[in-house]
Amino acid sequence: MKYNFQRKHLEAFFWIVAILLLAFTNPGGAGHWSLCPIQNMGWDFCPGCGLGHSISWLFRGQFATSLSCHPLGIPAVFILLARSFTLLKSDIHIEHKFNLKHKWNAFIK
């Protein structure tokens, strides 16, 4: 099966890498550098940071802490993983159907 890169594969790759990076970050670490403009302005509350911390706590098995950081962290992981696998699976399924059809046509001849 030949792999053809498509733009939607980039989206799937982005979401999977983002979830993996959040899984390996330390959500409880204080004083760490952040790309978040709200946190860099000195504000303590940021819904985006809460979502990231929620996902990090989820991968550590701390479900109550994950929910307290942001209630949508757990559903976000499942939605993004489902989206990524749907993007990747659709091409494999179409390619597989094509190969079966091609083999069937060769068998009939």
PDB file of N, CA and C in Angstrom:
ATOM      1  N   MET A   1       0.849  -1.168   0.000  1.00  0.00           N
ATOM      2  CA  MET A   1       0.000   0.000   0.000  1.00  0.00           C
ATOM      3  C   MET A   1       0.897   1.234   0.000  1.00  0.00           C
ATOM      4  N   LYS A   2       0.683   2.107  -0.953  1.00  0.00           N
ATOM      5  CA  LYS A   2       1.482   3.315  -1.099  1.00  0.00           C
ATOM      6  C   LYS A   2       0.878   4.436  -0.255  1.00  0.00           C
ATOM      7  N   TYR A   3       1.741   5.165   0.424  1.00  0.00           N
ATOM      8  CA  TYR A   3       1.286   6.269   1.265  1.00  0.00           C
ATOM      9  C   TYR A   3       1.383   7.571   0.484  1.00  0.00           C
ATOM     10  N   ASN A   4       0.280   8.292   0.414  1.00  0.00           N
ATOM     11  CA  ASN A   4       0.240   9.606  -0.224  1.00  0.00           C
ATOM     12  C   ASN A   4      -0.111  10.637   0.840  1.00  0.00           C
ATOM     13  N   PHE A   5       0.808  11.596   1.035  1.00  0.00           N
ATOM     14  CA  PHE A   5       0.565  12.632   2.034  1.00  0.00           C
ATOM     15  C   PHE A   5      -0.539  13.559   1.557  1.00  0.00           C
ATOM     16  N   GLN A   6      -1.466  13.874   2.460  1.00  0.00           N
ATOM     17  CA  GLN A   6      -2.529  14.820   2.174  1.00  0.00           C
ATOM     18  C   GLN A   6      -2.588  15.833   3.309  1.00  0.00           C
ATOM     19  N   ARG A   7      -3.217  16.954   3.040  1.00  0.00           N
ATOM     20  CA  ARG A   7      -3.288  18.032   4.029  1.00  0.00           C
ATOM     21  C   ARG A   7      -3.978  17.582   5.311  1.00  0.00           C
ATOM     22  N   LYS A   8      -4.990  16.724   5.203  1.00  0.00           N
ATOM     23  CA  LYS A   8      -5.687  16.274   6.412  1.00  0.00           C
ATOM     24  C   LYS A   8      -4.801  15.396   7.291  1.00  0.00           C
ATOM     25  N   HIS A   9      -3.776  14.777   6.706  1.00  0.00           N
ATOM     26  CA  HIS A   9      -2.828  14.009   7.517  1.00  0.00           C
ATOM     27  C   HIS A   9      -2.032  14.934   8.423  1.00  0.00           C
ATOM     28  N   LEU A  10      -1.771  16.135   7.950  1.00  0.00           N
ATOM     29  CA  LEU A  10      -1.067  17.116   8.766  1.00  0.00           C
ATOM     30  C   LEU A  10      -1.893  17.494   9.989  1.00  0.00           C
ATOM     31  N   GLU A  11      -3.202  17.640   9.799  1.00  0.00           N
ATOM     32  CA  GLU A  11      -4.082  17.935  10.934  1.00  0.00           C
ATOM     33  C   GLU A  11      -4.061  16.794  11.947  1.00  0.00           C
ATOM     34  N   ALA A  12      -4.166  15.562  11.465  1.00  0.00           N
ATOM     35  CA  ALA A  12      -4.150  14.408  12.368  1.00  0.00           C
ATOM     36  C   ALA A  12      -2.820  14.328  13.108  1.00  0.00           C
ATOM     37  N   PHE A  13      -1.717  14.535  12.401  1.00  0.00           N
ATOM     38  CA  PHE A  13      -0.394  14.514  13.019  1.00  0.00           C
ATOM     39  C   PHE A  13      -0.286  15.588  14.092  1.00  0.00           C
ATOM     40  N   PHE A  14      -0.779  16.791  13.796  1.00  0.00           N
ATOM     41  CA  PHE A  14      -0.731  17.899  14.751  1.00  0.00           C
ATOM     42  C   PHE A  14      -1.463  17.541  16.042  1.00  0.00           C
ATOM     43  N   TRP A  15      -2.689  17.006  15.944  1.00  0.00           N
ATOM     44  CA  TRP A  15      -3.469  16.690  17.133  1.00  0.00           C
ATOM     45  C   TRP A  15      -2.831  15.573  17.943  1.00  0.00           C
ATOM     46  N   ILE A  16      -2.322  14.548  17.282  1.00  0.00           N
ATOM     47  CA  ILE A  16      -1.696  13.434  18.006  1.00  0.00           C
ATOM     48  C   ILE A  16      -0.434  13.903  18.721  1.00  0.00           C
ATOM     49  N   VAL A  17       0.389  14.703  18.048  1.00  0.00           N
ATOM     50  CA  VAL A  17       1.610  15.218  18.681  1.00  0.00           C
ATOM     51  C   VAL A  17       1.264  16.145  19.836  1.00  0.00           C
ATOM     52  N   ALA A  18       0.256  16.997  19.678  1.00  0.00           N
ATOM     53  CA  ALA A  18      -0.138  17.910  20.751  1.00  0.00           C
ATOM     54  C   ALA A  18      -0.602  17.140  21.986  1.00  0.00           C
ATOM     55  N   ILE A  19      -1.392  16.102  21.782  1.00  0.00           N
ATOM     56  CA  ILE A  19      -1.861  15.302  22.924  1.00  0.00           C
ATOM     57  C   ILE A  19      -0.694  14.591  23.590  1.00  0.00           C
ATOM     58  N   LEU A  20       0.231  14.053  22.799  1.00  0.00           N
ATOM     59  CA  LEU A  20       1.399  13.385  23.387  1.00  0.00           C
ATOM     60  C   LEU A  20       2.279  14.362  24.156  1.00  0.00           C
ATOM     61  N   LEU A  21       2.471  15.560  23.620  1.00  0.00           N
ATOM     62  CA  LEU A  21       3.271  16.556  24.349  1.00  0.00           C
ATOM     63  C   LEU A  21       2.605  16.957  25.662  1.00  0.00           C
ATOM     64  N   LEU A  22       1.289  17.106  25.639  1.00  0.00           N
ATOM     65  CA  LEU A  22       0.579  17.420  26.888  1.00  0.00           C
ATOM     66  C   LEU A  22       0.647  16.259  27.872  1.00  0.00           C
ATOM     67  N   ALA A  23       0.677  15.037  27.349  1.00  0.00           N
ATOM     68  CA  ALA A  23       0.758  13.870  28.232  1.00  0.00           C
ATOM     69  C   ALA A  23       2.087  13.821  28.975  1.00  0.00           C
ATOM     70  N   PHE A  24       3.145  14.361  28.367  1.00  0.00           N
ATOM     71  CA  PHE A  24       4.464  14.282  28.991  1.00  0.00           C
ATOM     72  C   PHE A  24       4.886  15.559  29.718  1.00  0.00           C
ATOM     73  N   THR A  25       4.037  16.590  29.698  1.00  0.00           N
ATOM     74  CA  THR A  25       4.382  17.811  30.433  1.00  0.00           C
ATOM     75  C   THR A  25       4.031  17.648  31.907  1.00  0.00           C
ATOM     76  N   ASN A  26       4.652  18.471  32.730  1.00  0.00           N
ATOM     77  CA  ASN A  26       4.399  18.449  34.166  1.00  0.00           C
ATOM     78  C   ASN A  26       3.373  19.534  34.494  1.00  0.00           C
ATOM     79  N   PRO A  27       2.132  19.153  34.764  1.00  0.00           N
ATOM     80  CA  PRO A  27       1.108  20.172  35.014  1.00  0.00           C
ATOM     81  C   PRO A  27       1.263  20.873  36.352  1.00  0.00           C
ATOM     82  N   GLY A  28       1.957  20.267  37.287  1.00  0.00           N
ATOM     83  CA  GLY A  28       2.103  20.859  38.611  1.00  0.00           C
ATOM     84  C   GLY A  28       3.347  21.697  38.766  1.00  0.00           C
ATOM     85  N   GLY A  29       4.171  21.756  37.726  1.00  0.00           N
ATOM     86  CA  GLY A  29       5.426  22.502  37.811  1.00  0.00           C
ATOM     87  C   GLY A  29       5.189  24.004  37.810  1.00  0.00           C
ATOM     88  N   ALA A  30       5.691  24.667  38.816  1.00  0.00           N
ATOM     89  CA  ALA A  30       5.524  26.127  38.921  1.00  0.00           C
ATOM     90  C   ALA A  30       6.747  26.812  38.329  1.00  0.00           C
ATOM     91  N   GLY A  31       6.519  27.979  37.792  1.00  0.00           N
ATOM     92  CA  GLY A  31       7.629  28.774  37.288  1.00  0.00           C
ATOM     93  C   GLY A  31       8.163  28.304  35.947  1.00  0.00           C
ATOM     94  N   HIS A  32       7.416  27.537  35.206  1.00  0.00           N
ATOM     95  CA  HIS A  32       7.896  27.082  33.903  1.00  0.00           C
ATOM     96  C   HIS A  32       7.565  28.113  32.832  1.00  0.00           C
ATOM     97  N   TRP A  33       8.328  28.101  31.767  1.00  0.00           N
ATOM     98  CA  TRP A  33       8.115  29.027  30.667  1.00  0.00           C
ATOM     99  C   TRP A  33       6.896  28.593  29.874  1.00  0.00           C
ATOM    100  N   SER A  34       6.130  29.553  29.370  1.00  0.00           N
ATOM    101  CA  SER A  34       4.901  29.234  28.654  1.00  0.00           C
ATOM    102  C   SER A  34       4.749  30.128  27.429  1.00  0.00           C
ATOM    103  N   LEU A  35       4.097  29.591  26.404  1.00  0.00           N
ATOM    104  CA  LEU A  35       3.755  30.376  25.215  1.00  0.00           C
ATOM    105  C   LEU A  35       2.457  31.146  25.399  1.00  0.00           C
ATOM    106  N   CYS A  36       1.753  30.899  26.472  1.00  0.00           N
ATOM    107  CA  CYS A  36       0.442  31.495  26.700  1.00  0.00           C
ATOM    108  C   CYS A  36       0.575  32.999  26.959  1.00  0.00           C
ATOM    109  N   PRO A  37      -0.059  33.830  26.114  1.00  0.00           N
ATOM    110  CA  PRO A  37       0.036  35.279  26.335  1.00  0.00           C
ATOM    111  C   PRO A  37      -0.691  35.730  27.598  1.00  0.00           C
ATOM    112  N   ILE A  38      -1.757  35.050  27.967  1.00  0.00           N
ATOM    113  CA  ILE A  38      -2.502  35.421  29.177  1.00  0.00           C
ATOM    114  C   ILE A  38      -1.655  35.168  30.420  1.00  0.00           C
ATOM    115  N   GLN A  39      -0.978  34.011  30.457  1.00  0.00           N
ATOM    116  CA  GLN A  39      -0.113  33.709  31.596  1.00  0.00           C
ATOM    117  C   GLN A  39       1.099  34.637  31.617  1.00  0.00           C
ATOM    118  N   ASN A  40       1.624  34.980  30.454  1.00  0.00           N
ATOM    119  CA  ASN A  40       2.785  35.878  30.400  1.00  0.00           C
ATOM    120  C   ASN A  40       2.432  37.302  30.804  1.00  0.00           C
ATOM    121  N   MET A  41       1.148  37.680  30.748  1.00  0.00           N
ATOM    122  CA  MET A  41       0.710  38.993  31.226  1.00  0.00           C
ATOM    123  C   MET A  41       0.521  39.000  32.739  1.00  0.00           C
ATOM    124  N   GLY A  42       0.626  37.843  33.362  1.00  0.00           N
ATOM    125  CA  GLY A  42       0.539  37.771  34.810  1.00  0.00           C
ATOM    126  C   GLY A  42      -0.806  37.340  35.352  1.00  0.00           C
ATOM    127  N   TRP A  43      -1.749  37.020  34.501  1.00  0.00           N
ATOM    128  CA  TRP A  43      -3.052  36.561  34.980  1.00  0.00           C
ATOM    129  C   TRP A  43      -2.961  35.094  35.375  1.00  0.00           C
ATOM    130  N   ASP A  44      -3.670  34.729  36.421  1.00  0.00           N
ATOM    131  CA  ASP A  44      -3.625  33.351  36.910  1.00  0.00           C
ATOM    132  C   ASP A  44      -4.612  32.437  36.190  1.00  0.00           C
ATOM    133  N   PHE A  45      -5.714  32.992  35.707  1.00  0.00           N
ATOM    134  CA  PHE A  45      -6.739  32.153  35.097  1.00  0.00           C
ATOM    135  C   PHE A  45      -6.641  32.197  33.571  1.00  0.00           C
ATOM    136  N   CYS A  46      -6.511  31.043  32.961  1.00  0.00           N
ATOM    137  CA  CYS A  46      -6.513  30.928  31.500  1.00  0.00           C
ATOM    138  C   CYS A  46      -7.213  29.622  31.145  1.00  0.00           C
ATOM    139  N   PRO A  47      -8.324  29.670  30.396  1.00  0.00           N
ATOM    140  CA  PRO A  47      -9.028  28.439  30.049  1.00  0.00           C
ATOM    141  C   PRO A  47      -8.182  27.493  29.193  1.00  0.00           C
ATOM    142  N   GLY A  48      -7.323  28.046  28.349  1.00  0.00           N
ATOM    143  CA  GLY A  48      -6.463  27.196  27.515  1.00  0.00           C
ATOM    144  C   GLY A  48      -5.439  26.443  28.346  1.00  0.00           C
ATOM    145  N   CYS A  49      -4.831  27.136  29.302  1.00  0.00           N
ATOM    146  CA  CYS A  49      -3.868  26.467  30.194  1.00  0.00           C
ATOM    147  C   CYS A  49      -4.581  25.432  31.056  1.00  0.00           C
ATOM    148  N   GLY A  50      -5.790  25.752  31.477  1.00  0.00           N
ATOM    149  CA  GLY A  50      -6.568  24.788  32.264  1.00  0.00           C
ATOM    150  C   GLY A  50      -6.868  23.532  31.475  1.00  0.00           C
ATOM    151  N   LEU A  51      -7.161  23.694  30.189  1.00  0.00           N
ATOM    152  CA  LEU A  51      -7.415  22.539  29.334  1.00  0.00           C
ATOM    153  C   LEU A  51      -6.155  21.695  29.181  1.00  0.00           C
ATOM    154  N   GLY A  52      -5.025  22.344  28.976  1.00  0.00           N
ATOM    155  CA  GLY A  52      -3.754  21.620  28.874  1.00  0.00           C
ATOM    156  C   GLY A  52      -3.402  20.893  30.153  1.00  0.00           C
ATOM    157  N   HIS A  53      -3.588  21.572  31.293  1.00  0.00           N
ATOM    158  CA  HIS A  53      -3.311  20.922  32.579  1.00  0.00           C
ATOM    159  C   HIS A  53      -4.274  19.765  32.817  1.00  0.00           C
ATOM    160  N   SER A  54      -5.521  19.937  32.412  1.00  0.00           N
ATOM    161  CA  SER A  54      -6.504  18.874  32.561  1.00  0.00           C
ATOM    162  C   SER A  54      -6.084  17.628  31.795  1.00  0.00           C
ATOM    163  N   ILE A  55      -5.602  17.813  30.574  1.00  0.00           N
ATOM    164  CA  ILE A  55      -5.158  16.671  29.762  1.00  0.00           C
ATOM    165  C   ILE A  55      -3.920  16.028  30.393  1.00  0.00           C
ATOM    166  N   SER A  56      -3.002  16.835  30.897  1.00  0.00           N
ATOM    167  CA  SER A  56      -1.804  16.291  31.550  1.00  0.00           C
ATOM    168  C   SER A  56      -2.166  15.466  32.785  1.00  0.00           C
ATOM    169  N   TRP A  57      -3.089  15.982  33.601  1.00  0.00           N
ATOM    170  CA  TRP A  57      -3.500  15.239  34.792  1.00  0.00           C
ATOM    171  C   TRP A  57      -4.244  13.956  34.406  1.00  0.00           C
ATOM    172  N   LEU A  58      -4.990  14.004  33.324  1.00  0.00           N
ATOM    173  CA  LEU A  58      -5.709  12.818  32.852  1.00  0.00           C
ATOM    174  C   LEU A  58      -4.741  11.684  32.548  1.00  0.00           C
ATOM    175  N   PHE A  59      -3.634  11.979  31.869  1.00  0.00           N
ATOM    176  CA  PHE A  59      -2.664  10.935  31.524  1.00  0.00           C
ATOM    177  C   PHE A  59      -1.879  10.446  32.731  1.00  0.00           C
ATOM    178  N   ARG A  60      -1.964  11.149  33.831  1.00  0.00           N
ATOM    179  CA  ARG A  60      -1.341  10.691  35.078  1.00  0.00           C
ATOM    180  C   ARG A  60      -2.320   9.929  35.965  1.00  0.00           C
ATOM    181  N   GLY A  61      -3.551   9.794  35.496  1.00  0.00           N
ATOM    182  CA  GLY A  61      -4.561   9.057  36.249  1.00  0.00           C
ATOM    183  C   GLY A  61      -5.246   9.861  37.329  1.00  0.00           C
ATOM    184  N   GLN A  62      -5.025  11.156  37.378  1.00  0.00           N
ATOM    185  CA  GLN A  62      -5.633  12.031  38.379  1.00  0.00           C
ATOM    186  C   GLN A  62      -6.918  12.629  37.803  1.00  0.00           C
ATOM    187  N   PHE A  63      -7.985  11.838  37.788  1.00  0.00           N
ATOM    188  CA  PHE A  63      -9.223  12.242  37.127  1.00  0.00           C
ATOM    189  C   PHE A  63      -9.915  13.413  37.837  1.00  0.00           C
ATOM    190  N   ALA A  64      -9.925  13.413  39.158  1.00  0.00           N
ATOM    191  CA  ALA A  64     -10.569  14.503  39.900  1.00  0.00           C
ATOM    192  C   ALA A  64      -9.824  15.821  39.673  1.00  0.00           C
ATOM    193  N   THR A  65      -8.502  15.781  39.694  1.00  0.00           N
ATOM    194  CA  THR A  65      -7.711  16.983  39.448  1.00  0.00           C
ATOM    195  C   THR A  65      -7.895  17.453  38.009  1.00  0.00           C
ATOM    196  N   SER A  66      -7.984  16.495  37.094  1.00  0.00           N
ATOM    197  CA  SER A  66      -8.219  16.824  35.687  1.00  0.00           C
ATOM    198  C   SER A  66      -9.536  17.568  35.513  1.00  0.00           C
ATOM    199  N   LEU A  67     -10.578  17.078  36.154  1.00  0.00           N
ATOM    200  CA  LEU A  67     -11.884  17.741  36.065  1.00  0.00           C
ATOM    201  C   LEU A  67     -11.885  19.106  36.733  1.00  0.00           C
ATOM    202  N   SER A  68     -11.116  19.250  37.811  1.00  0.00           N
ATOM    203  CA  SER A  68     -11.085  20.547  38.501  1.00  0.00           C
ATOM    204  C   SER A  68     -10.313  21.595  37.692  1.00  0.00           C
ATOM    205  N   CYS A  69      -9.346  21.176  36.891  1.00  0.00           N
ATOM    206  CA  CYS A  69      -8.615  22.140  36.055  1.00  0.00           C
ATOM    207  C   CYS A  69      -9.481  22.644  34.912  1.00  0.00           C
ATOM    208  N   HIS A  70     -10.191  21.748  34.263  1.00  0.00           N
ATOM    209  CA  HIS A  70     -11.098  22.128  33.171  1.00  0.00           C
ATOM    210  C   HIS A  70     -12.030  20.944  32.908  1.00  0.00           C
ATOM    211  N   PRO A  71     -13.330  21.145  32.981  1.00  0.00           N
ATOM    212  CA  PRO A  71     -14.265  20.023  32.825  1.00  0.00           C
ATOM    213  C   PRO A  71     -14.296  19.437  31.410  1.00  0.00           C
ATOM    214  N   LEU A  72     -13.772  20.139  30.418  1.00  0.00           N
ATOM    215  CA  LEU A  72     -13.798  19.624  29.049  1.00  0.00           C
ATOM    216  C   LEU A  72     -12.494  18.949  28.634  1.00  0.00           C
ATOM    217  N   GLY A  73     -11.557  18.774  29.550  1.00  0.00           N
ATOM    218  CA  GLY A  73     -10.273  18.153  29.216  1.00  0.00           C
ATOM    219  C   GLY A  73     -10.413  16.703  28.791  1.00  0.00           C
ATOM    220  N   ILE A  74     -11.184  15.934  29.538  1.00  0.00           N
ATOM    221  CA  ILE A  74     -11.359  14.513  29.218  1.00  0.00           C
ATOM    222  C   ILE A  74     -12.107  14.337  27.899  1.00  0.00           C
ATOM    223  N   PRO A  75     -13.244  15.019  27.691  1.00  0.00           N
ATOM    224  CA  PRO A  75     -13.901  14.877  26.374  1.00  0.00           C
ATOM    225  C   PRO A  75     -13.033  15.378  25.221  1.00  0.00           C
ATOM    226  N   ALA A  76     -12.215  16.398  25.452  1.00  0.00           N
ATOM    227  CA  ALA A  76     -11.369  16.937  24.389  1.00  0.00           C
ATOM    228  C   ALA A  76     -10.383  15.894  23.879  1.00  0.00           C
ATOM    229  N   VAL A  77      -9.804  15.113  24.788  1.00  0.00           N
ATOM    230  CA  VAL A  77      -8.862  14.068  24.375  1.00  0.00           C
ATOM    231  C   VAL A  77      -9.560  13.051  23.479  1.00  0.00           C
ATOM    232  N   PHE A  78     -10.724  12.588  23.887  1.00  0.00           N
ATOM    233  CA  PHE A  78     -11.439  11.583  23.098  1.00  0.00           C
ATOM    234  C   PHE A  78     -11.899  12.153  21.752  1.00  0.00           C
ATOM    235  N   ILE A  79     -12.341  13.391  21.741  1.00  0.00           N
ATOM    236  CA  ILE A  79     -12.791  14.008  20.487  1.00  0.00           C
ATOM    237  C   ILE A  79     -11.618  14.187  19.523  1.00  0.00           C
ATOM    238  N   LEU A  80     -10.483  14.672  20.027  1.00  0.00           N
ATOM    239  CA  LEU A  80      -9.328  14.892  19.158  1.00  0.00           C
ATOM    240  C   LEU A  80      -8.718  13.590  18.660  1.00  0.00           C
ATOM    241  N   LEU A  81      -8.680  12.560  19.504  1.00  0.00           N
ATOM    242  CA  LEU A  81      -8.181  11.267  19.047  1.00  0.00           C
ATOM    243  C   LEU A  81      -9.119  10.642  18.019  1.00  0.00           C
ATOM    244  N   ALA A  82     -10.419  10.754  18.253  1.00  0.00           N
ATOM    245  CA  ALA A  82     -11.384  10.223  17.286  1.00  0.00           C
ATOM    246  C   ALA A  82     -11.260  10.966  15.955  1.00  0.00           C
ATOM    247  N   ARG A  83     -11.100  12.283  16.012  1.00  0.00           N
ATOM    248  CA  ARG A  83     -10.935  13.069  14.789  1.00  0.00           C
ATOM    249  C   ARG A  83      -9.679  12.643  14.040  1.00  0.00           C
ATOM    250  N   SER A  84      -8.574  12.461  14.756  1.00  0.00           N
ATOM    251  CA  SER A  84      -7.318  12.077  14.122  1.00  0.00           C
ATOM    252  C   SER A  84      -7.421  10.711  13.467  1.00  0.00           C
ATOM    253  N   PHE A  85      -7.974   9.752  14.183  1.00  0.00           N
ATOM    254  CA  PHE A  85      -8.090   8.405  13.622  1.00  0.00           C
ATOM    255  C   PHE A  85      -9.076   8.361  12.465  1.00  0.00           C
ATOM    256  N   THR A  86     -10.108   9.188  12.510  1.00  0.00           N
ATOM    257  CA  THR A  86     -11.051   9.252  11.394  1.00  0.00           C
ATOM    258  C   THR A  86     -10.359   9.798  10.147  1.00  0.00           C
ATOM    259  N   LEU A  87      -9.542  10.833  10.317  1.00  0.00           N
ATOM    260  CA  LEU A  87      -8.812  11.386   9.178  1.00  0.00           C
ATOM    261  C   LEU A  87      -7.850  10.373   8.572  1.00  0.00           C
ATOM    262  N   LEU A  88      -7.172   9.625   9.423  1.00  0.00           N
ATOM    263  CA  LEU A  88      -6.206   8.648   8.921  1.00  0.00           C
ATOM    264  C   LEU A  88      -6.885   7.392   8.393  1.00  0.00           C
ATOM    265  N   LYS A  89      -7.953   6.972   9.020  1.00  0.00           N
ATOM    266  CA  LYS A  89      -8.627   5.742   8.641  1.00  0.00           C
ATOM    267  C   LYS A  89      -9.357   5.874   7.309  1.00  0.00           C
ATOM    268  N   SER A  90      -9.895   7.020   7.004  1.00  0.00           N
ATOM    269  CA  SER A  90     -10.679   7.182   5.783  1.00  0.00           C
ATOM    270  C   SER A  90      -9.846   6.885   4.544  1.00  0.00           C
ATOM    271  N   ASP A  91      -8.591   7.301   4.509  1.00  0.00           N
ATOM    272  CA  ASP A  91      -7.738   7.034   3.355  1.00  0.00           C
ATOM    273  C   ASP A  91      -7.354   5.568   3.262  1.00  0.00           C
ATOM    274  N   ILE A  92      -7.092   4.949   4.382  1.00  0.00           N
ATOM    275  CA  ILE A  92      -6.727   3.536   4.373  1.00  0.00           C
ATOM    276  C   ILE A  92      -7.905   2.712   3.890  1.00  0.00           C
ATOM    277  N   HIS A  93      -9.093   3.067   4.319  1.00  0.00           N
ATOM    278  CA  HIS A  93     -10.288   2.326   3.918  1.00  0.00           C
ATOM    279  C   HIS A  93     -10.536   2.460   2.415  1.00  0.00           C
ATOM    280  N   ILE A  94     -10.410   3.662   1.883  1.00  0.00           N
ATOM    281  CA  ILE A  94     -10.611   3.873   0.448  1.00  0.00           C
ATOM    282  C   ILE A  94      -9.543   3.126  -0.345  1.00  0.00           C
ATOM    283  N   GLU A  95      -8.301   3.205   0.098  1.00  0.00           N
ATOM    284  CA  GLU A  95      -7.212   2.518  -0.582  1.00  0.00           C
ATOM    285  C   GLU A  95      -7.447   1.010  -0.558  1.00  0.00           C
ATOM    286  N   HIS A  96      -7.905   0.507   0.570  1.00  0.00           N
ATOM    287  CA  HIS A  96      -8.164  -0.929   0.706  1.00  0.00           C
ATOM    288  C   HIS A  96      -9.286  -1.367  -0.228  1.00  0.00           C
ATOM    289  N   LYS A  97     -10.341  -0.579  -0.327  1.00  0.00           N
ATOM    290  CA  LYS A  97     -11.436  -0.909  -1.235  1.00  0.00           C
ATOM    291  C   LYS A  97     -10.947  -0.914  -2.684  1.00  0.00           C
ATOM    292  N   PHE A  98     -10.097   0.047  -3.017  1.00  0.00           N
ATOM    293  CA  PHE A  98      -9.579   0.122  -4.373  1.00  0.00           C
ATOM    294  C   PHE A  98      -8.756  -1.118  -4.693  1.00  0.00           C
ATOM    295  N   ASN A  99      -7.904  -1.512  -3.764  1.00  0.00           N
ATOM    296  CA  ASN A  99      -7.067  -2.690  -3.992  1.00  0.00           C
ATOM    297  C   ASN A  99      -7.915  -3.943  -4.163  1.00  0.00           C
ATOM    298  N   LEU A 100      -8.963  -4.097  -3.375  1.00  0.00           N
ATOM    299  CA  LEU A 100      -9.826  -5.270  -3.519  1.00  0.00           C
ATOM    300  C   LEU A 100     -10.547  -5.250  -4.856  1.00  0.00           C
ATOM    301  N   LYS A 101     -11.009  -4.085  -5.256  1.00  0.00           N
ATOM    302  CA  LYS A 101     -11.702  -3.978  -6.536  1.00  0.00           C
ATOM    303  C   LYS A 101     -10.744  -4.297  -7.682  1.00  0.00           C
ATOM    304  N   HIS A 102      -9.526  -3.781  -7.592  1.00  0.00           N
ATOM    305  CA  HIS A 102      -8.525  -4.034  -8.624  1.00  0.00           C
ATOM    306  C   HIS A 102      -8.202  -5.530  -8.691  1.00  0.00           C
ATOM    307  N   LYS A 103      -8.040  -6.179  -7.554  1.00  0.00           N
ATOM    308  CA  LYS A 103      -7.748  -7.614  -7.524  1.00  0.00           C
ATOM    309  C   LYS A 103      -8.922  -8.417  -8.071  1.00  0.00           C
ATOM    310  N   TRP A 104     -10.145  -8.001  -7.756  1.00  0.00           N
ATOM    311  CA  TRP A 104     -11.330  -8.701  -8.256  1.00  0.00           C
ATOM    312  C   TRP A 104     -11.425  -8.593  -9.775  1.00  0.00           C
ATOM    313  N   ASN A 105     -11.151  -7.408 -10.322  1.00  0.00           N
ATOM    314  CA  ASN A 105     -11.181  -7.227 -11.770  1.00  0.00           C
ATOM    315  C   ASN A 105     -10.099  -8.065 -12.453  1.00  0.00           C
ATOM    316  N   ALA A 106      -8.928  -8.160 -11.841  1.00  0.00           N
ATOM    317  CA  ALA A 106      -7.861  -8.988 -12.410  1.00  0.00           C
ATOM    318  C   ALA A 106      -8.238 -10.463 -12.337  1.00  0.00           C
ATOM    319  N   PHE A 107      -8.958 -10.869 -11.302  1.00  0.00           N
ATOM    320  CA  PHE A 107      -9.348 -12.269 -11.155  1.00  0.00           C
ATOM    321  C   PHE A 107     -10.399 -12.644 -12.195  1.00  0.00           C
ATOM    322  N   ILE A 108     -11.317 -11.727 -12.500  1.00  0.00           N
ATOM    323  CA  ILE A 108     -12.380 -12.006 -13.459  1.00  0.00           C
ATOM    324  C   ILE A 108     -11.810 -12.164 -14.862  1.00  0.00           C
ATOM    325  N   LYS A 109     -10.823 -11.373 -15.213  1.00  0.00           N
ATOM    326  CA  LYS A 109     -10.239 -11.436 -16.549  1.00  0.00           C
ATOM    327  C   LYS A 109      -9.521 -12.714 -16.707  1.00  0.00           C
TER     328      LYS A 109
END
